Protein backbone atom coordinates (compact mmCIF):
# COMPACT_ATOMS: atom_id res chain seq x y z
CA MET A 1 31.29 242.32 32.79
CA GLU A 2 29.22 241.73 35.90
CA LEU A 3 28.27 238.26 37.07
CA ASN A 4 26.09 237.09 39.94
CA LEU A 5 28.37 234.50 41.47
CA ALA A 6 27.29 232.25 44.33
CA ASN A 7 30.33 232.38 46.61
CA LYS A 8 33.91 233.53 47.19
CA THR A 9 35.33 230.48 45.44
CA GLN A 10 33.48 231.35 42.25
CA HIS A 11 34.72 234.94 42.50
CA HIS A 12 38.27 233.64 42.85
CA ILE A 13 37.81 231.34 39.85
CA ALA A 14 36.43 234.22 37.77
CA ASP A 15 39.51 236.30 38.61
CA LEU A 16 41.80 233.44 37.61
CA LEU A 17 39.94 232.86 34.34
CA TRP A 18 39.94 236.56 33.53
CA LYS A 19 43.73 236.70 33.96
CA ALA A 20 44.40 233.43 32.06
CA GLN A 21 46.73 234.07 29.15
CA ASP A 22 45.82 231.05 27.02
CA LYS A 23 43.57 228.01 26.73
CA TYR A 24 46.12 225.85 28.53
CA ARG A 25 45.81 227.96 31.69
CA VAL A 26 42.00 227.83 31.40
CA LYS A 27 42.22 224.02 31.23
CA GLU A 28 44.45 224.00 34.34
CA ILE A 29 41.93 226.12 36.24
CA ILE A 30 39.10 223.79 35.22
CA ALA A 31 41.18 220.77 36.29
CA MET A 32 41.82 222.36 39.70
CA TYR A 33 38.28 223.61 40.45
CA GLY A 34 36.09 221.24 38.43
CA VAL A 35 32.40 221.96 37.98
CA ASP A 36 32.58 225.38 39.66
CA ALA A 37 35.14 226.51 37.07
CA VAL A 38 33.02 225.21 34.20
CA ILE A 39 29.98 227.07 35.55
CA VAL A 40 31.91 230.32 35.97
CA LEU A 41 33.45 230.01 32.50
CA ASN A 42 30.03 229.40 30.94
CA MET A 43 28.61 232.39 32.79
CA MET A 44 31.48 234.56 31.56
CA LEU A 45 31.02 233.40 27.97
CA ALA A 46 27.25 233.90 28.10
CA SER A 47 27.72 237.41 29.46
CA TYR A 48 30.28 238.22 26.76
CA TYR A 49 28.06 237.01 23.92
CA ASP A 50 25.09 238.82 25.38
CA GLN A 51 26.98 242.13 25.20
CA PHE A 52 28.05 241.85 21.58
CA ASP A 53 25.47 239.74 19.83
CA GLY A 54 22.50 241.68 21.13
CA VAL A 55 20.81 238.42 22.07
CA ASP A 56 19.81 237.82 25.66
CA ILE A 57 21.30 234.37 26.13
CA ALA A 58 22.89 235.15 29.48
CA GLY A 59 19.66 235.36 31.48
CA PRO A 60 18.21 231.96 30.57
CA GLU A 61 21.62 230.28 30.79
CA LEU A 62 22.27 231.71 34.25
CA GLU A 63 18.85 230.57 35.44
CA ARG A 64 19.46 227.08 34.03
CA ILE A 65 22.81 226.86 35.85
CA LYS A 66 21.42 228.28 39.08
CA ASN A 67 18.50 225.86 39.12
CA GLY A 68 20.73 222.91 38.32
């Protein structure tokens, strides 16, 4: 999975989310990093679904997030 992340913090969050063992750890990461963690998680999920569903939802979602 390749994401276009905005900064080092988002890269760090992505690494933490990728290594998270369960939903409780994901919730902890979101509690620690707030909106940035939610954005990164949504980007990761969009990228995942784009790979397997054959529907290009990642592109529009990423643009929506980037443009605020």
